[in-house]
Amino acid sequence: WPLTVVGREQAEEMAVRQTAARAEEQIFVQQHTRHQLAQLELLSGCLSFCRDELRVARGRSCKISKLGMKEIASEEEHRVRSLEEKSAEAEARVQAIAQDHRDMKLQINGPAQSGAGGGGEGGEFPERAIVEELLRHLGDKVDALLNEFSISS
């Protein structure tokens, strides 16, 4: 009989700890997702800037070459390469955020789907509904950037 009471108390304590850990995980994912959304805003601006500047710079570079201004053409080609590098870096970061989004969805939804004591329905943790909405929003933004800039994921 005393062992049953001790076992029950330990089980209750473990359940409280698991609940607290799941709640903390929800809050962490919520904060992380907001950070990723902010990153996407910056990356969108960077990609737009690079795309527009590259279009102009390539046209200008072609004209400069035709005019025989080799030194200026060389400078313009260096600028084009720098813009291409920045654009490639931004694309890589968008791809990383897309993968991170997939990973976060699995992390949040995996335990609930397997029945292994995950977050359960949205009512168990008020933060869960917020996290799910943020993840949907992040997924939409990632998809929009992937499509707008023809980035493969």
C-alpha atoms as a PDB file:
ATOM      1  CA  TRP A   1       0.000   0.000   0.000  1.00  0.00           C
ATOM      2  CA  PRO A   2       2.704   2.646   0.820  1.00  0.00           C
ATOM      3  CA  LEU A   3       4.477   1.821  -2.435  1.00  0.00           C
ATOM      4  CA  THR A   4       1.282   2.480  -4.356  1.00  0.00           C
ATOM      5  CA  VAL A   5       0.960   5.939  -2.780  1.00  0.00           C
ATOM      6  CA  VAL A   6       4.613   6.767  -3.512  1.00  0.00           C
ATOM      7  CA  GLY A   7       4.240   5.531  -7.097  1.00  0.00           C
ATOM      8  CA  ARG A   8       1.089   7.593  -7.589  1.00  0.00           C
ATOM      9  CA  GLU A   9       2.793  10.730  -6.182  1.00  0.00           C
ATOM     10  CA  GLN A  10       5.764  10.226  -8.483  1.00  0.00           C
ATOM     11  CA  ALA A  11       3.461   9.756 -11.450  1.00  0.00           C
ATOM     12  CA  GLU A  12       1.571  12.942 -10.590  1.00  0.00           C
ATOM     13  CA  GLU A  13       4.824  14.870 -10.185  1.00  0.00           C
ATOM     14  CA  MET A  14       6.058  13.532 -13.522  1.00  0.00           C
ATOM     15  CA  ALA A  15       2.783  14.566 -15.189  1.00  0.00           C
ATOM     16  CA  VAL A  16       3.141  18.107 -13.796  1.00  0.00           C
ATOM     17  CA  ARG A  17       6.718  18.301 -15.074  1.00  0.00           C
ATOM     18  CA  GLN A  18       5.718  17.033 -18.512  1.00  0.00           C
ATOM     19  CA  THR A  19       2.909  19.567 -18.706  1.00  0.00           C
ATOM     20  CA  ALA A  20       5.275  22.378 -17.747  1.00  0.00           C
ATOM     21  CA  ALA A  21       7.853  21.197 -20.288  1.00  0.00           C
ATOM     22  CA  ARG A  22       5.251  21.101 -23.085  1.00  0.00           C
ATOM     23  CA  ALA A  23       4.037  24.587 -22.166  1.00  0.00           C
ATOM     24  CA  GLU A  24       7.619  25.921 -22.228  1.00  0.00           C
ATOM     25  CA  GLU A  25       8.184  24.258 -25.590  1.00  0.00           C
ATOM     26  CA  GLN A  26       5.067  25.955 -26.973  1.00  0.00           C
ATOM     27  CA  ILE A  27       6.289  29.349 -25.758  1.00  0.00           C
ATOM     28  CA  PHE A  28       9.776  28.773 -27.196  1.00  0.00           C
ATOM     29  CA  VAL A  29       8.378  27.785 -30.593  1.00  0.00           C
ATOM     30  CA  GLN A  30       6.086  30.817 -30.513  1.00  0.00           C
ATOM     31  CA  GLN A  31       9.027  33.171 -29.918  1.00  0.00           C
ATOM     32  CA  HIS A  32      11.222  31.392 -32.454  1.00  0.00           C
ATOM     33  CA  THR A  33       8.486  31.544 -35.103  1.00  0.00           C
ATOM     34  CA  ARG A  34       8.058  35.282 -34.578  1.00  0.00           C
ATOM     35  CA  HIS A  35      11.815  35.687 -35.036  1.00  0.00           C
ATOM     36  CA  GLN A  36      11.695  33.668 -38.257  1.00  0.00           C
ATOM     37  CA  LEU A  37       8.825  35.827 -39.543  1.00  0.00           C
ATOM     38  CA  ALA A  38      10.899  38.944 -38.906  1.00  0.00           C
ATOM     39  CA  GLN A  39      13.842  37.341 -40.711  1.00  0.00           C
ATOM     40  CA  LEU A  40      11.624  36.623 -43.717  1.00  0.00           C
ATOM     41  CA  GLU A  41      10.620  40.280 -43.908  1.00  0.00           C
ATOM     42  CA  LEU A  42      14.278  41.307 -44.064  1.00  0.00           C
ATOM     43  CA  LEU A  43      15.107  38.570 -46.562  1.00  0.00           C
ATOM     44  CA  SER A  44      12.201  39.584 -48.771  1.00  0.00           C
ATOM     45  CA  GLY A  45      13.534  43.131 -48.894  1.00  0.00           C
ATOM     46  CA  CYS A  46      17.047  41.918 -49.607  1.00  0.00           C
ATOM     47  CA  LEU A  47      15.901  39.621 -52.427  1.00  0.00           C
ATOM     48  CA  SER A  48      13.758  42.356 -53.987  1.00  0.00           C
ATOM     49  CA  PHE A  49      16.607  44.844 -53.826  1.00  0.00           C
ATOM     50  CA  CYS A  50      19.101  42.397 -55.331  1.00  0.00           C
ATOM     51  CA  ARG A  51      16.701  41.352 -58.107  1.00  0.00           C
ATOM     52  CA  ASP A  52      15.983  44.963 -59.086  1.00  0.00           C
ATOM     53  CA  GLU A  53      19.611  46.093 -58.830  1.00  0.00           C
ATOM     54  CA  LEU A  54      20.866  43.089 -60.790  1.00  0.00           C
ATOM     55  CA  ARG A  55      18.433  43.812 -63.621  1.00  0.00           C
ATOM     56  CA  VAL A  56      19.673  47.414 -63.859  1.00  0.00           C
ATOM     57  CA  ALA A  57      23.345  46.577 -63.322  1.00  0.00           C
ATOM     58  CA  ARG A  58      23.422  43.871 -65.996  1.00  0.00           C
ATOM     59  CA  GLY A  59      21.919  46.232 -68.541  1.00  0.00           C
ATOM     60  CA  ARG A  60      24.342  48.977 -67.580  1.00  0.00           C
ATOM     61  CA  SER A  61      27.278  46.548 -67.696  1.00  0.00           C
ATOM     62  CA  CYS A  62      26.366  45.517 -71.216  1.00  0.00           C
ATOM     63  CA  LYS A  63      26.194  49.147 -72.368  1.00  0.00           C
ATOM     64  CA  ILE A  64      29.496  50.000 -70.681  1.00  0.00           C
ATOM     65  CA  SER A  65      31.215  47.029 -72.366  1.00  0.00           C
ATOM     66  CA  LYS A  66      29.875  48.048 -75.784  1.00  0.00           C
ATOM     67  CA  LEU A  67      31.288  51.525 -75.250  1.00  0.00           C
ATOM     68  CA  GLY A  68      34.713  50.039 -74.519  1.00  0.00           C
ATOM     69  CA  MET A  69      35.016  51.344 -70.965  1.00  0.00           C
ATOM     70  CA  LYS A  70      36.826  48.309 -69.612  1.00  0.00           C
ATOM     71  CA  GLU A  71      37.747  49.707 -66.203  1.00  0.00           C
ATOM     72  CA  ILE A  72      34.196  50.827 -65.454  1.00  0.00           C
ATOM     73  CA  ALA A  73      32.846  47.546 -66.868  1.00  0.00           C
ATOM     74  CA  SER A  74      35.126  45.635 -64.500  1.00  0.00           C
ATOM     75  CA  GLU A  75      33.804  47.602 -61.526  1.00  0.00           C
ATOM     76  CA  GLU A  76      30.226  46.982 -62.631  1.00  0.00           C
ATOM     77  CA  GLU A  77      30.915  43.255 -63.037  1.00  0.00           C
ATOM     78  CA  HIS A  78      32.300  43.170 -59.491  1.00  0.00           C
ATOM     79  CA  ARG A  79      29.107  44.859 -58.256  1.00  0.00           C
ATOM     80  CA  VAL A  80      26.982  42.305 -60.133  1.00  0.00           C
ATOM     81  CA  ARG A  81      28.926  39.420 -58.550  1.00  0.00           C
ATOM     82  CA  SER A  82      28.486  40.955 -55.097  1.00  0.00           C
ATOM     83  CA  LEU A  83      24.740  41.320 -55.622  1.00  0.00           C
ATOM     84  CA  GLU A  84      24.519  37.737 -56.899  1.00  0.00           C
ATOM     85  CA  GLU A  85      26.339  36.509 -53.787  1.00  0.00           C
ATOM     86  CA  LYS A  86      24.036  38.457 -51.463  1.00  0.00           C
ATOM     87  CA  SER A  87      21.016  37.146 -53.329  1.00  0.00           C
ATOM     88  CA  ALA A  88      22.288  33.555 -53.076  1.00  0.00           C
ATOM     89  CA  GLU A  89      22.901  34.006 -49.337  1.00  0.00           C
ATOM     90  CA  ALA A  90      19.359  35.316 -48.858  1.00  0.00           C
ATOM     91  CA  GLU A  91      17.927  32.422 -50.882  1.00  0.00           C
ATOM     92  CA  ALA A  92      19.876  29.932 -48.768  1.00  0.00           C
ATOM     93  CA  ARG A  93      18.519  31.546 -45.615  1.00  0.00           C
ATOM     94  CA  VAL A  94      14.936  31.328 -46.927  1.00  0.00           C
ATOM     95  CA  GLN A  95      15.525  27.631 -47.650  1.00  0.00           C
ATOM     96  CA  ALA A  96      16.864  27.157 -44.111  1.00  0.00           C
ATOM     97  CA  ILE A  97      13.775  28.847 -42.666  1.00  0.00           C
ATOM     98  CA  ALA A  98      11.570  26.622 -44.834  1.00  0.00           C
ATOM     99  CA  GLN A  99      13.304  23.543 -43.400  1.00  0.00           C
ATOM    100  CA  ASP A 100      13.080  24.977 -39.890  1.00  0.00           C
ATOM    101  CA  HIS A 101       9.341  25.510 -40.436  1.00  0.00           C
ATOM    102  CA  ARG A 102       8.900  21.859 -41.441  1.00  0.00           C
ATOM    103  CA  ASP A 103      10.893  20.757 -38.393  1.00  0.00           C
ATOM    104  CA  MET A 104       8.877  22.941 -36.019  1.00  0.00           C
ATOM    105  CA  LYS A 105       5.597  21.598 -37.409  1.00  0.00           C
ATOM    106  CA  LEU A 106       6.798  18.050 -36.775  1.00  0.00           C
ATOM    107  CA  GLN A 107       7.992  18.988 -33.299  1.00  0.00           C
ATOM    108  CA  ILE A 108       4.677  20.561 -32.354  1.00  0.00           C
ATOM    109  CA  ASN A 109       2.311  18.200 -34.147  1.00  0.00           C
ATOM    110  CA  GLY A 110       4.254  14.928 -33.933  1.00  0.00           C
ATOM    111  CA  PRO A 111       3.545  13.972 -30.302  1.00  0.00           C
ATOM    112  CA  ALA A 112      -0.117  14.999 -30.517  1.00  0.00           C
ATOM    113  CA  GLN A 113      -0.621  12.855 -33.606  1.00  0.00           C
ATOM    114  CA  SER A 114       1.124   9.833 -32.126  1.00  0.00           C
ATOM    115  CA  GLY A 115      -0.853  10.009 -28.888  1.00  0.00           C
ATOM    116  CA  ALA A 116       2.361  10.016 -26.863  1.00  0.00           C
ATOM    117  CA  GLY A 117       1.224  12.718 -24.488  1.00  0.00           C
ATOM    118  CA  GLY A 118       1.817  15.675 -26.764  1.00  0.00           C
ATOM    119  CA  GLY A 119       0.140  19.022 -26.620  1.00  0.00           C
ATOM    120  CA  GLY A 120      -3.273  17.489 -27.166  1.00  0.00           C
ATOM    121  CA  GLU A 121      -6.078  19.638 -28.499  1.00  0.00           C
ATOM    122  CA  GLY A 122      -5.744  23.395 -28.618  1.00  0.00           C
ATOM    123  CA  GLY A 123      -7.529  23.755 -25.283  1.00  0.00           C
ATOM    124  CA  GLU A 124      -4.844  22.051 -23.201  1.00  0.00           C
ATOM    125  CA  PHE A 125      -2.358  24.867 -23.769  1.00  0.00           C
ATOM    126  CA  PRO A 126      -3.639  28.307 -24.730  1.00  0.00           C
ATOM    127  CA  GLU A 127      -0.284  28.932 -26.427  1.00  0.00           C
ATOM    128  CA  ARG A 128      -0.822  25.995 -28.798  1.00  0.00           C
ATOM    129  CA  ALA A 129      -3.444  27.847 -30.850  1.00  0.00           C
ATOM    130  CA  ILE A 130      -1.109  30.836 -31.116  1.00  0.00           C
ATOM    131  CA  VAL A 131       1.789  28.609 -32.168  1.00  0.00           C
ATOM    132  CA  GLU A 132      -0.307  26.836 -34.781  1.00  0.00           C
ATOM    133  CA  GLU A 133      -1.481  30.157 -36.224  1.00  0.00           C
ATOM    134  CA  LEU A 134       2.082  31.525 -36.275  1.00  0.00           C
ATOM    135  CA  LEU A 135       3.315  28.363 -37.987  1.00  0.00           C
ATOM    136  CA  ARG A 136       0.562  28.678 -40.623  1.00  0.00           C
ATOM    137  CA  HIS A 137       1.536  32.308 -41.170  1.00  0.00           C
ATOM    138  CA  LEU A 138       5.233  31.382 -41.393  1.00  0.00           C
ATOM    139  CA  GLY A 139       4.450  28.612 -43.876  1.00  0.00           C
ATOM    140  CA  ASP A 140       2.445  31.030 -46.035  1.00  0.00           C
ATOM    141  CA  LYS A 141       5.263  33.601 -46.014  1.00  0.00           C
ATOM    142  CA  VAL A 142       7.904  30.986 -46.815  1.00  0.00           C
ATOM    143  CA  ASP A 143       5.819  29.630 -49.695  1.00  0.00           C
ATOM    144  CA  ALA A 144       5.225  33.140 -51.036  1.00  0.00           C
ATOM    145  CA  LEU A 145       8.954  33.931 -51.039  1.00  0.00           C
ATOM    146  CA  LEU A 146       9.876  30.569 -52.552  1.00  0.00           C
ATOM    147  CA  ASN A 147       7.385  31.196 -55.361  1.00  0.00           C
ATOM    148  CA  GLU A 148       8.080  34.904 -55.894  1.00  0.00           C
ATOM    149  CA  PHE A 149      11.831  34.418 -56.223  1.00  0.00           C
ATOM    150  CA  SER A 150      11.708  30.918 -57.776  1.00  0.00           C
ATOM    151  CA  ILE A 151      13.663  29.361 -54.926  1.00  0.00           C
ATOM    152  CA  SER A 152      13.653  25.585 -54.708  1.00  0.00           C
ATOM    153  CA  SER A 153      13.095  24.083 -51.284  1.00  0.00           C
END
